[in-house]
Amino acid sequence: MKILIFFILLNFCSDAKTNKLKTAISEKDFLTVASLCSEYKFEKFEKDCNQSIEESIQEIEKIISQKRTLPFMKIILDKEKARKIDSILKYNIHIGIKYRSIWYETAEQY
């Protein structure tokens, strides 16, 4: 009985994450898609995940490149965007290794 309840809860959580991903894809919110894809594995949406991760890398590089123009100031971002990028850096090991240290020197939440 306990095992059955566990599998029902596991399936419900999985459906909620998939629905959240589908919503983000339909809204073309690439940071949310990349964040979810970095944290969880969605084989069914691999193409959308890869595309969103590439767009997120471009966004991170764009924000970091602004630091060159203003070397003594931090770039201020809205909390939601900063939270999504932090999540990508935390859960996607390859992106985190490449950008995490410079990101924390560059960006600040507003």
PDB file of N, CA and C in Angstrom:
ATOM      1  N   MET A   1       0.822  -1.193   0.000  1.00  0.00           N
ATOM      2  CA  MET A   1       0.000   0.000   0.000  1.00  0.00           C
ATOM      3  C   MET A   1       0.870   1.262   0.000  1.00  0.00           C
ATOM      4  N   LYS A   2       1.882   1.292   0.855  1.00  0.00           N
ATOM      5  CA  LYS A   2       2.770   2.460   0.922  1.00  0.00           C
ATOM      6  C   LYS A   2       3.520   2.645  -0.388  1.00  0.00           C
ATOM      7  N   ILE A   3       3.884   1.554  -1.021  1.00  0.00           N
ATOM      8  CA  ILE A   3       4.612   1.624  -2.290  1.00  0.00           C
ATOM      9  C   ILE A   3       3.707   2.213  -3.363  1.00  0.00           C
ATOM     10  N   LEU A   4       2.463   1.826  -3.379  1.00  0.00           N
ATOM     11  CA  LEU A   4       1.511   2.348  -4.356  1.00  0.00           C
ATOM     12  C   LEU A   4       1.342   3.859  -4.186  1.00  0.00           C
ATOM     13  N   ILE A   5       1.205   4.321  -2.974  1.00  0.00           N
ATOM     14  CA  ILE A   5       1.075   5.761  -2.702  1.00  0.00           C
ATOM     15  C   ILE A   5       2.329   6.494  -3.146  1.00  0.00           C
ATOM     16  N   PHE A   6       3.488   5.920  -2.894  1.00  0.00           N
ATOM     17  CA  PHE A   6       4.751   6.534  -3.321  1.00  0.00           C
ATOM     18  C   PHE A   6       4.791   6.722  -4.827  1.00  0.00           C
ATOM     19  N   PHE A   7       4.408   5.683  -5.577  1.00  0.00           N
ATOM     20  CA  PHE A   7       4.435   5.770  -7.041  1.00  0.00           C
ATOM     21  C   PHE A   7       3.397   6.757  -7.575  1.00  0.00           C
ATOM     22  N   ILE A   8       2.266   6.852  -6.922  1.00  0.00           N
ATOM     23  CA  ILE A   8       1.255   7.832  -7.330  1.00  0.00           C
ATOM     24  C   ILE A   8       1.788   9.244  -7.123  1.00  0.00           C
ATOM     25  N   LEU A   9       2.401   9.504  -5.970  1.00  0.00           N
ATOM     26  CA  LEU A   9       2.985  10.823  -5.704  1.00  0.00           C
ATOM     27  C   LEU A   9       4.133  11.135  -6.655  1.00  0.00           C
ATOM     28  N   LEU A  10       4.953  10.146  -6.940  1.00  0.00           N
ATOM     29  CA  LEU A  10       6.064  10.332  -7.864  1.00  0.00           C
ATOM     30  C   LEU A  10       5.557  10.686  -9.262  1.00  0.00           C
ATOM     31  N   ASN A  11       4.527   9.998  -9.700  1.00  0.00           N
ATOM     32  CA  ASN A  11       3.931  10.260 -11.009  1.00  0.00           C
ATOM     33  C   ASN A  11       3.300  11.649 -11.045  1.00  0.00           C
ATOM     34  N   PHE A  12       2.628  12.062  -9.972  1.00  0.00           N
ATOM     35  CA  PHE A  12       2.002  13.383  -9.912  1.00  0.00           C
ATOM     36  C   PHE A  12       3.046  14.486  -9.988  1.00  0.00           C
ATOM     37  N   CYS A  13       4.149  14.344  -9.247  1.00  0.00           N
ATOM     38  CA  CYS A  13       5.217  15.336  -9.277  1.00  0.00           C
ATOM     39  C   CYS A  13       5.840  15.421 -10.667  1.00  0.00           C
ATOM     40  N   SER A  14       6.035  14.281 -11.293  1.00  0.00           N
ATOM     41  CA  SER A  14       6.605  14.241 -12.627  1.00  0.00           C
ATOM     42  C   SER A  14       5.693  14.958 -13.627  1.00  0.00           C
ATOM     43  N   ASP A  15       4.377  14.742 -13.531  1.00  0.00           N
ATOM     44  CA  ASP A  15       3.429  15.408 -14.419  1.00  0.00           C
ATOM     45  C   ASP A  15       3.432  16.914 -14.198  1.00  0.00           C
ATOM     46  N   ALA A  16       3.546  17.350 -12.967  1.00  0.00           N
ATOM     47  CA  ALA A  16       3.568  18.786 -12.667  1.00  0.00           C
ATOM     48  C   ALA A  16       4.797  19.442 -13.298  1.00  0.00           C
ATOM     49  N   LYS A  17       5.939  18.788 -13.219  1.00  0.00           N
ATOM     50  CA  LYS A  17       7.162  19.332 -13.822  1.00  0.00           C
ATOM     51  C   LYS A  17       7.053  19.367 -15.336  1.00  0.00           C
ATOM     52  N   THR A  18       6.473  18.318 -15.910  1.00  0.00           N
ATOM     53  CA  THR A  18       6.292  18.276 -17.359  1.00  0.00           C
ATOM     54  C   THR A  18       5.339  19.374 -17.804  1.00  0.00           C
ATOM     55  N   ASN A  19       4.265  19.588 -17.061  1.00  0.00           N
ATOM     56  CA  ASN A  19       3.321  20.655 -17.402  1.00  0.00           C
ATOM     57  C   ASN A  19       3.975  22.029 -17.293  1.00  0.00           C
ATOM     58  N   LYS A  20       4.780  22.207 -16.279  1.00  0.00           N
ATOM     59  CA  LYS A  20       5.491  23.483 -16.120  1.00  0.00           C
ATOM     60  C   LYS A  20       6.445  23.705 -17.301  1.00  0.00           C
ATOM     61  N   LEU A  21       7.124  22.652 -17.724  1.00  0.00           N
ATOM     62  CA  LEU A  21       8.024  22.743 -18.872  1.00  0.00           C
ATOM     63  C   LEU A  21       7.257  23.060 -20.150  1.00  0.00           C
ATOM     64  N   LYS A  22       6.127  22.380 -20.368  1.00  0.00           N
ATOM     65  CA  LYS A  22       5.314  22.646 -21.554  1.00  0.00           C
ATOM     66  C   LYS A  22       4.839  24.096 -21.584  1.00  0.00           C
ATOM     67  N   THR A  23       4.432  24.614 -20.433  1.00  0.00           N
ATOM     68  CA  THR A  23       3.984  26.003 -20.345  1.00  0.00           C
ATOM     69  C   THR A  23       5.125  26.953 -20.688  1.00  0.00           C
ATOM     70  N   ALA A  24       6.304  26.703 -20.146  1.00  0.00           N
ATOM     71  CA  ALA A  24       7.464  27.555 -20.424  1.00  0.00           C
ATOM     72  C   ALA A  24       7.848  27.503 -21.895  1.00  0.00           C
ATOM     73  N   ILE A  25       7.747  26.338 -22.510  1.00  0.00           N
ATOM     74  CA  ILE A  25       8.059  26.204 -23.939  1.00  0.00           C
ATOM     75  C   ILE A  25       7.057  26.999 -24.765  1.00  0.00           C
ATOM     76  N   SER A  26       5.774  26.888 -24.425  1.00  0.00           N
ATOM     77  CA  SER A  26       4.756  27.605 -25.188  1.00  0.00           C
ATOM     78  C   SER A  26       4.875  29.116 -25.011  1.00  0.00           C
ATOM     79  N   GLU A  27       5.349  29.560 -23.846  1.00  0.00           N
ATOM     80  CA  GLU A  27       5.550  30.994 -23.596  1.00  0.00           C
ATOM     81  C   GLU A  27       6.901  31.485 -24.100  1.00  0.00           C
ATOM     82  N   LYS A  28       7.702  30.571 -24.623  1.00  0.00           N
ATOM     83  CA  LYS A  28       9.045  30.864 -25.133  1.00  0.00           C
ATOM     84  C   LYS A  28       9.928  31.508 -24.048  1.00  0.00           C
ATOM     85  N   ASP A  29       9.799  31.001 -22.837  1.00  0.00           N
ATOM     86  CA  ASP A  29      10.606  31.454 -21.695  1.00  0.00           C
ATOM     87  C   ASP A  29      11.826  30.536 -21.594  1.00  0.00           C
ATOM     88  N   PHE A  30      12.866  30.859 -22.383  1.00  0.00           N
ATOM     89  CA  PHE A  30      14.006  29.958 -22.503  1.00  0.00           C
ATOM     90  C   PHE A  30      14.780  29.798 -21.204  1.00  0.00           C
ATOM     91  N   LEU A  31      14.786  30.804 -20.334  1.00  0.00           N
ATOM     92  CA  LEU A  31      15.500  30.663 -19.060  1.00  0.00           C
ATOM     93  C   LEU A  31      14.810  29.636 -18.150  1.00  0.00           C
ATOM     94  N   THR A  32      13.487  29.662 -18.115  1.00  0.00           N
ATOM     95  CA  THR A  32      12.758  28.680 -17.308  1.00  0.00           C
ATOM     96  C   THR A  32      12.929  27.279 -17.873  1.00  0.00           C
ATOM     97  N   VAL A  33      12.858  27.151 -19.193  1.00  0.00           N
ATOM     98  CA  VAL A  33      13.045  25.843 -19.830  1.00  0.00           C
ATOM     99  C   VAL A  33      14.444  25.316 -19.523  1.00  0.00           C
ATOM    100  N   ALA A  34      15.449  26.157 -19.675  1.00  0.00           N
ATOM    101  CA  ALA A  34      16.824  25.730 -19.406  1.00  0.00           C
ATOM    102  C   ALA A  34      17.015  25.375 -17.934  1.00  0.00           C
ATOM    103  N   SER A  35      16.385  26.140 -17.055  1.00  0.00           N
ATOM    104  CA  SER A  35      16.484  25.857 -15.624  1.00  0.00           C
ATOM    105  C   SER A  35      15.863  24.501 -15.290  1.00  0.00           C
ATOM    106  N   LEU A  36      14.663  24.246 -15.808  1.00  0.00           N
ATOM    107  CA  LEU A  36      14.007  22.959 -15.560  1.00  0.00           C
ATOM    108  C   LEU A  36      14.779  21.803 -16.184  1.00  0.00           C
ATOM    109  N   CYS A  37      15.286  22.012 -17.392  1.00  0.00           N
ATOM    110  CA  CYS A  37      16.027  20.952 -18.073  1.00  0.00           C
ATOM    111  C   CYS A  37      17.371  20.672 -17.397  1.00  0.00           C
ATOM    112  N   SER A  38      17.930  21.682 -16.761  1.00  0.00           N
ATOM    113  CA  SER A  38      19.187  21.477 -16.045  1.00  0.00           C
ATOM    114  C   SER A  38      18.958  20.700 -14.756  1.00  0.00           C
ATOM    115  N   GLU A  39      17.813  20.955 -14.124  1.00  0.00           N
ATOM    116  CA  GLU A  39      17.523  20.306 -12.847  1.00  0.00           C
ATOM    117  C   GLU A  39      16.955  18.894 -13.034  1.00  0.00           C
ATOM    118  N   TYR A  40      16.105  18.724 -14.038  1.00  0.00           N
ATOM    119  CA  TYR A  40      15.468  17.429 -14.292  1.00  0.00           C
ATOM    120  C   TYR A  40      15.767  17.007 -15.719  1.00  0.00           C
ATOM    121  N   LYS A  41      15.699  15.734 -15.986  1.00  0.00           N
ATOM    122  CA  LYS A  41      15.953  15.217 -17.333  1.00  0.00           C
ATOM    123  C   LYS A  41      14.626  14.950 -18.041  1.00  0.00           C
ATOM    124  N   PHE A  42      14.437  15.593 -19.180  1.00  0.00           N
ATOM    125  CA  PHE A  42      13.238  15.402 -19.990  1.00  0.00           C
ATOM    126  C   PHE A  42      13.683  14.902 -21.360  1.00  0.00           C
ATOM    127  N   GLU A  43      13.696  13.607 -21.539  1.00  0.00           N
ATOM    128  CA  GLU A  43      14.133  13.035 -22.817  1.00  0.00           C
ATOM    129  C   GLU A  43      13.179  13.401 -23.941  1.00  0.00           C
ATOM    130  N   LYS A  44      11.916  13.538 -23.622  1.00  0.00           N
ATOM    131  CA  LYS A  44      10.900  13.846 -24.623  1.00  0.00           C
ATOM    132  C   LYS A  44      11.087  15.260 -25.208  1.00  0.00           C
ATOM    133  N   PHE A  45      11.671  16.154 -24.438  1.00  0.00           N
ATOM    134  CA  PHE A  45      11.833  17.548 -24.850  1.00  0.00           C
ATOM    135  C   PHE A  45      13.307  17.916 -25.053  1.00  0.00           C
ATOM    136  N   GLU A  46      14.107  16.956 -25.452  1.00  0.00           N
ATOM    137  CA  GLU A  46      15.556  17.171 -25.553  1.00  0.00           C
ATOM    138  C   GLU A  46      15.914  18.304 -26.512  1.00  0.00           C
ATOM    139  N   LYS A  47      15.241  18.393 -27.646  1.00  0.00           N
ATOM    140  CA  LYS A  47      15.530  19.445 -28.622  1.00  0.00           C
ATOM    141  C   LYS A  47      15.241  20.828 -28.030  1.00  0.00           C
ATOM    142  N   ASP A  48      14.079  20.975 -27.390  1.00  0.00           N
ATOM    143  CA  ASP A  48      13.727  22.254 -26.761  1.00  0.00           C
ATOM    144  C   ASP A  48      14.697  22.600 -25.632  1.00  0.00           C
ATOM    145  N   CYS A  49      15.104  21.584 -24.879  1.00  0.00           N
ATOM    146  CA  CYS A  49      16.050  21.802 -23.778  1.00  0.00           C
ATOM    147  C   CYS A  49      17.398  22.295 -24.307  1.00  0.00           C
ATOM    148  N   ASN A  50      17.913  21.626 -25.321  1.00  0.00           N
ATOM    149  CA  ASN A  50      19.212  22.021 -25.874  1.00  0.00           C
ATOM    150  C   ASN A  50      19.172  23.433 -26.447  1.00  0.00           C
ATOM    151  N   GLN A  51      18.092  23.759 -27.145  1.00  0.00           N
ATOM    152  CA  GLN A  51      17.955  25.093 -27.726  1.00  0.00           C
ATOM    153  C   GLN A  51      17.876  26.153 -26.629  1.00  0.00           C
ATOM    154  N   SER A  52      17.119  25.880 -25.579  1.00  0.00           N
ATOM    155  CA  SER A  52      16.979  26.833 -24.475  1.00  0.00           C
ATOM    156  C   SER A  52      18.288  27.006 -23.716  1.00  0.00           C
ATOM    157  N   ILE A  53      19.024  25.942 -23.554  1.00  0.00           N
ATOM    158  CA  ILE A  53      20.317  26.037 -22.873  1.00  0.00           C
ATOM    159  C   ILE A  53      21.278  26.892 -23.694  1.00  0.00           C
ATOM    160  N   GLU A  54      21.271  26.718 -25.021  1.00  0.00           N
ATOM    161  CA  GLU A  54      22.121  27.550 -25.880  1.00  0.00           C
ATOM    162  C   GLU A  54      21.733  29.028 -25.783  1.00  0.00           C
ATOM    163  N   GLU A  55      20.435  29.320 -25.785  1.00  0.00           N
ATOM    164  CA  GLU A  55      19.975  30.701 -25.655  1.00  0.00           C
ATOM    165  C   GLU A  55      20.343  31.262 -24.283  1.00  0.00           C
ATOM    166  N   SER A  56      20.288  30.426 -23.253  1.00  0.00           N
ATOM    167  CA  SER A  56      20.660  30.868 -21.904  1.00  0.00           C
ATOM    168  C   SER A  56      22.145  31.196 -21.826  1.00  0.00           C
ATOM    169  N   ILE A  57      22.965  30.386 -22.475  1.00  0.00           N
ATOM    170  CA  ILE A  57      24.403  30.658 -22.506  1.00  0.00           C
ATOM    171  C   ILE A  57      24.654  31.998 -23.185  1.00  0.00           C
ATOM    172  N   GLN A  58      23.954  32.254 -24.273  1.00  0.00           N
ATOM    173  CA  GLN A  58      24.111  33.541 -24.961  1.00  0.00           C
ATOM    174  C   GLN A  58      23.680  34.701 -24.065  1.00  0.00           C
ATOM    175  N   GLU A  59      22.605  34.514 -23.307  1.00  0.00           N
ATOM    176  CA  GLU A  59      22.130  35.561 -22.388  1.00  0.00           C
ATOM    177  C   GLU A  59      23.142  35.797 -21.268  1.00  0.00           C
ATOM    178  N   ILE A  60      23.692  34.731 -20.717  1.00  0.00           N
ATOM    179  CA  ILE A  60      24.703  34.862 -19.663  1.00  0.00           C
ATOM    180  C   ILE A  60      25.925  35.588 -20.206  1.00  0.00           C
ATOM    181  N   GLU A  61      26.372  35.208 -21.393  1.00  0.00           N
ATOM    182  CA  GLU A  61      27.537  35.865 -21.994  1.00  0.00           C
ATOM    183  C   GLU A  61      27.255  37.332 -22.290  1.00  0.00           C
ATOM    184  N   LYS A  62      26.037  37.642 -22.707  1.00  0.00           N
ATOM    185  CA  LYS A  62      25.663  39.036 -22.969  1.00  0.00           C
ATOM    186  C   LYS A  62      25.725  39.869 -21.694  1.00  0.00           C
ATOM    187  N   ILE A  63      25.224  39.324 -20.603  1.00  0.00           N
ATOM    188  CA  ILE A  63      25.236  40.042 -19.323  1.00  0.00           C
ATOM    189  C   ILE A  63      26.671  40.201 -18.825  1.00  0.00           C
ATOM    190  N   ILE A  64      27.464  39.151 -18.941  1.00  0.00           N
ATOM    191  CA  ILE A  64      28.860  39.217 -18.500  1.00  0.00           C
ATOM    192  C   ILE A  64      29.646  40.213 -19.353  1.00  0.00           C
ATOM    193  N   SER A  65      29.336  40.281 -20.644  1.00  0.00           N
ATOM    194  CA  SER A  65      30.066  41.212 -21.515  1.00  0.00           C
ATOM    195  C   SER A  65      29.778  42.668 -21.158  1.00  0.00           C
ATOM    196  N   GLN A  66      28.641  42.938 -20.534  1.00  0.00           N
ATOM    197  CA  GLN A  66      28.340  44.300 -20.083  1.00  0.00           C
ATOM    198  C   GLN A  66      29.309  44.738 -18.993  1.00  0.00           C
ATOM    199  N   LYS A  67      29.869  43.791 -18.307  1.00  0.00           N
ATOM    200  CA  LYS A  67      30.837  44.081 -17.242  1.00  0.00           C
ATOM    201  C   LYS A  67      32.091  44.744 -17.820  1.00  0.00           C
ATOM    202  N   ARG A  68      32.422  44.426 -19.046  1.00  0.00           N
ATOM    203  CA  ARG A  68      33.600  45.035 -19.674  1.00  0.00           C
ATOM    204  C   ARG A  68      33.413  46.537 -19.862  1.00  0.00           C
ATOM    205  N   THR A  69      32.178  46.941 -20.126  1.00  0.00           N
ATOM    206  CA  THR A  69      31.890  48.351 -20.316  1.00  0.00           C
ATOM    207  C   THR A  69      31.929  49.103 -18.988  1.00  0.00           C
ATOM    208  N   LEU A  70      31.481  48.455 -17.937  1.00  0.00           N
ATOM    209  CA  LEU A  70      31.437  49.061 -16.606  1.00  0.00           C
ATOM    210  C   LEU A  70      32.212  48.176 -15.631  1.00  0.00           C
ATOM    211  N   PRO A  71      33.531  48.185 -15.682  1.00  0.00           N
ATOM    212  CA  PRO A  71      34.316  47.190 -14.932  1.00  0.00           C
ATOM    213  C   PRO A  71      34.226  47.290 -13.413  1.00  0.00           C
ATOM    214  N   PHE A  72      33.859  48.436 -12.857  1.00  0.00           N
ATOM    215  CA  PHE A  72      33.851  48.581 -11.406  1.00  0.00           C
ATOM    216  C   PHE A  72      32.451  48.485 -10.813  1.00  0.00           C
ATOM    217  N   MET A  73      31.462  48.158 -11.633  1.00  0.00           N
ATOM    218  CA  MET A  73      30.085  48.077 -11.152  1.00  0.00           C
ATOM    219  C   MET A  73      29.525  46.681 -11.410  1.00  0.00           C
ATOM    220  N   LYS A  74      28.568  46.292 -10.584  1.00  0.00           N
ATOM    221  CA  LYS A  74      27.855  45.039 -10.814  1.00  0.00           C
ATOM    222  C   LYS A  74      26.643  45.336 -11.698  1.00  0.00           C
ATOM    223  N   ILE A  75      26.297  44.388 -12.529  1.00  0.00           N
ATOM    224  CA  ILE A  75      25.121  44.500 -13.372  1.00  0.00           C
ATOM    225  C   ILE A  75      23.911  44.093 -12.523  1.00  0.00           C
ATOM    226  N   ILE A  76      22.897  44.946 -12.463  1.00  0.00           N
ATOM    227  CA  ILE A  76      21.723  44.675 -11.644  1.00  0.00           C
ATOM    228  C   ILE A  76      20.645  44.026 -12.503  1.00  0.00           C
ATOM    229  N   LEU A  77      20.150  42.881 -12.034  1.00  0.00           N
ATOM    230  CA  LEU A  77      19.107  42.119 -12.731  1.00  0.00           C
ATOM    231  C   LEU A  77      17.883  41.994 -11.843  1.00  0.00           C
ATOM    232  N   ASP A  78      16.723  41.779 -12.472  1.00  0.00           N
ATOM    233  CA  ASP A  78      15.540  41.516 -11.661  1.00  0.00           C
ATOM    234  C   ASP A  78      15.684  40.145 -10.998  1.00  0.00           C
ATOM    235  N   LYS A  79      15.013  39.963  -9.872  1.00  0.00           N
ATOM    236  CA  LYS A  79      15.185  38.753  -9.067  1.00  0.00           C
ATOM    237  C   LYS A  79      14.842  37.477  -9.820  1.00  0.00           C
ATOM    238  N   GLU A  80      13.784  37.523 -10.598  1.00  0.00           N
ATOM    239  CA  GLU A  80      13.335  36.312 -11.298  1.00  0.00           C
ATOM    240  C   GLU A  80      14.368  35.839 -12.315  1.00  0.00           C
ATOM    241  N   LYS A  81      14.901  36.768 -13.091  1.00  0.00           N
ATOM    242  CA  LYS A  81      15.909  36.409 -14.090  1.00  0.00           C
ATOM    243  C   LYS A  81      17.180  35.901 -13.408  1.00  0.00           C
ATOM    244  N   ALA A  82      17.604  36.572 -12.355  1.00  0.00           N
ATOM    245  CA  ALA A  82      18.801  36.149 -11.628  1.00  0.00           C
ATOM    246  C   ALA A  82      18.592  34.772 -10.994  1.00  0.00           C
ATOM    247  N   ARG A  83      17.398  34.517 -10.469  1.00  0.00           N
ATOM    248  CA  ARG A  83      17.097  33.231  -9.843  1.00  0.00           C
ATOM    249  C   ARG A  83      17.164  32.098 -10.873  1.00  0.00           C
ATOM    250  N   LYS A  84      16.620  32.352 -12.065  1.00  0.00           N
ATOM    251  CA  LYS A  84      16.634  31.330 -13.108  1.00  0.00           C
ATOM    252  C   LYS A  84      18.067  31.032 -13.559  1.00  0.00           C
ATOM    253  N   ILE A  85      18.858  32.074 -13.737  1.00  0.00           N
ATOM    254  CA  ILE A  85      20.247  31.871 -14.160  1.00  0.00           C
ATOM    255  C   ILE A  85      21.037  31.173 -13.059  1.00  0.00           C
ATOM    256  N   ASP A  86      20.803  31.547 -11.798  1.00  0.00           N
ATOM    257  CA  ASP A  86      21.460  30.852 -10.679  1.00  0.00           C
ATOM    258  C   ASP A  86      21.121  29.364 -10.683  1.00  0.00           C
ATOM    259  N   SER A  87      19.863  29.045 -10.975  1.00  0.00           N
ATOM    260  CA  SER A  87      19.443  27.648 -11.029  1.00  0.00           C
ATOM    261  C   SER A  87      20.157  26.901 -12.156  1.00  0.00           C
ATOM    262  N   ILE A  88      20.292  27.550 -13.302  1.00  0.00           N
ATOM    263  CA  ILE A  88      21.006  26.919 -14.417  1.00  0.00           C
ATOM    264  C   ILE A  88      22.457  26.665 -14.027  1.00  0.00           C
ATOM    265  N   LEU A  89      23.093  27.659 -13.412  1.00  0.00           N
ATOM    266  CA  LEU A  89      24.495  27.508 -13.010  1.00  0.00           C
ATOM    267  C   LEU A  89      24.663  26.440 -11.931  1.00  0.00           C
ATOM    268  N   LYS A  90      23.658  26.292 -11.089  1.00  0.00           N
ATOM    269  CA  LYS A  90      23.729  25.315 -10.001  1.00  0.00           C
ATOM    270  C   LYS A  90      23.553  23.881 -10.513  1.00  0.00           C
ATOM    271  N   TYR A  91      22.579  23.661 -11.393  1.00  0.00           N
ATOM    272  CA  TYR A  91      22.236  22.300 -11.795  1.00  0.00           C
ATOM    273  C   TYR A  91      22.927  21.825 -13.064  1.00  0.00           C
ATOM    274  N   ASN A  92      23.368  22.740 -13.928  1.00  0.00           N
ATOM    275  CA  ASN A  92      24.076  22.333 -15.130  1.00  0.00           C
ATOM    276  C   ASN A  92      25.570  22.472 -14.855  1.00  0.00           C
ATOM    277  N   ILE A  93      26.226  21.381 -14.605  1.00  0.00           N
ATOM    278  CA  ILE A  93      27.614  21.374 -14.154  1.00  0.00           C
ATOM    279  C   ILE A  93      28.542  22.050 -15.154  1.00  0.00           C
ATOM    280  N   HIS A  94      28.368  21.760 -16.434  1.00  0.00           N
ATOM    281  CA  HIS A  94      29.271  22.312 -17.447  1.00  0.00           C
ATOM    282  C   HIS A  94      29.167  23.833 -17.534  1.00  0.00           C
ATOM    283  N   ILE A  95      27.959  24.340 -17.534  1.00  0.00           N
ATOM    284  CA  ILE A  95      27.760  25.791 -17.574  1.00  0.00           C
ATOM    285  C   ILE A  95      28.241  26.414 -16.263  1.00  0.00           C
ATOM    286  N   GLY A  96      27.968  25.755 -15.153  1.00  0.00           N
ATOM    287  CA  GLY A  96      28.392  26.266 -13.853  1.00  0.00           C
ATOM    288  C   GLY A  96      29.896  26.395 -13.737  1.00  0.00           C
ATOM    289  N   ILE A  97      30.614  25.398 -14.210  1.00  0.00           N
ATOM    290  CA  ILE A  97      32.084  25.451 -14.167  1.00  0.00           C
ATOM    291  C   ILE A  97      32.599  26.607 -14.997  1.00  0.00           C
ATOM    292  N   LYS A  98      31.987  26.819 -16.143  1.00  0.00           N
ATOM    293  CA  LYS A  98      32.474  27.847 -17.060  1.00  0.00           C
ATOM    294  C   LYS A  98      32.137  29.266 -16.595  1.00  0.00           C
ATOM    295  N   TYR A  99      30.944  29.469 -16.020  1.00  0.00           N
ATOM    296  CA  TYR A  99      30.466  30.832 -15.770  1.00  0.00           C
ATOM    297  C   TYR A  99      30.227  31.217 -14.308  1.00  0.00           C
ATOM    298  N   ARG A 100      30.138  30.270 -13.390  1.00  0.00           N
ATOM    299  CA  ARG A 100      29.690  30.577 -12.027  1.00  0.00           C
ATOM    300  C   ARG A 100      30.530  31.649 -11.337  1.00  0.00           C
ATOM    301  N   SER A 101      31.840  31.519 -11.337  1.00  0.00           N
ATOM    302  CA  SER A 101      32.663  32.468 -10.580  1.00  0.00           C
ATOM    303  C   SER A 101      32.564  33.882 -11.146  1.00  0.00           C
ATOM    304  N   ILE A 102      32.618  34.012 -12.454  1.00  0.00           N
ATOM    305  CA  ILE A 102      32.522  35.345 -13.047  1.00  0.00           C
ATOM    306  C   ILE A 102      31.095  35.890 -12.933  1.00  0.00           C
ATOM    307  N   TRP A 103      30.106  35.004 -12.919  1.00  0.00           N
ATOM    308  CA  TRP A 103      28.720  35.444 -12.785  1.00  0.00           C
ATOM    309  C   TRP A 103      28.502  36.127 -11.446  1.00  0.00           C
ATOM    310  N   TYR A 104      28.995  35.525 -10.379  1.00  0.00           N
ATOM    311  CA  TYR A 104      28.782  36.105  -9.053  1.00  0.00           C
ATOM    312  C   TYR A 104      29.558  37.406  -8.866  1.00  0.00           C
ATOM    313  N   GLU A 105      30.622  37.600  -9.616  1.00  0.00           N
ATOM    314  CA  GLU A 105      31.337  38.872  -9.593  1.00  0.00           C
ATOM    315  C   GLU A 105      30.627  39.925 -10.422  1.00  0.00           C
ATOM    316  N   THR A 106      29.839  39.502 -11.398  1.00  0.00           N
ATOM    317  CA  THR A 106      29.236  40.394 -12.369  1.00  0.00           C
ATOM    318  C   THR A 106      27.823  40.840 -12.010  1.00  0.00           C
ATOM    319  N   ALA A 107      26.986  39.910 -11.608  1.00  0.00           N
ATOM    320  CA  ALA A 107      25.551  40.189 -11.486  1.00  0.00           C
ATOM    321  C   ALA A 107      25.121  40.362 -10.040  1.00  0.00           C
ATOM    322  N   GLU A 108      24.080  41.161  -9.885  1.00  0.00           N
ATOM    323  CA  GLU A 108      23.480  41.395  -8.580  1.00  0.00           C
ATOM    324  C   GLU A 108      21.980  41.436  -8.768  1.00  0.00           C
ATOM    325  N   GLN A 109      21.250  40.862  -7.812  1.00  0.00           N
ATOM    326  CA  GLN A 109      19.784  40.863  -7.902  1.00  0.00           C
ATOM    327  C   GLN A 109      19.236  42.207  -7.469  1.00  0.00           C
ATOM    328  N   TYR A 110      18.129  42.602  -8.092  1.00  0.00           N
ATOM    329  CA  TYR A 110      17.470  43.849  -7.721  1.00  0.00           C
ATOM    330  C   TYR A 110      16.134  43.560  -7.116  1.00  0.00           C
TER     331      TYR A 110
END
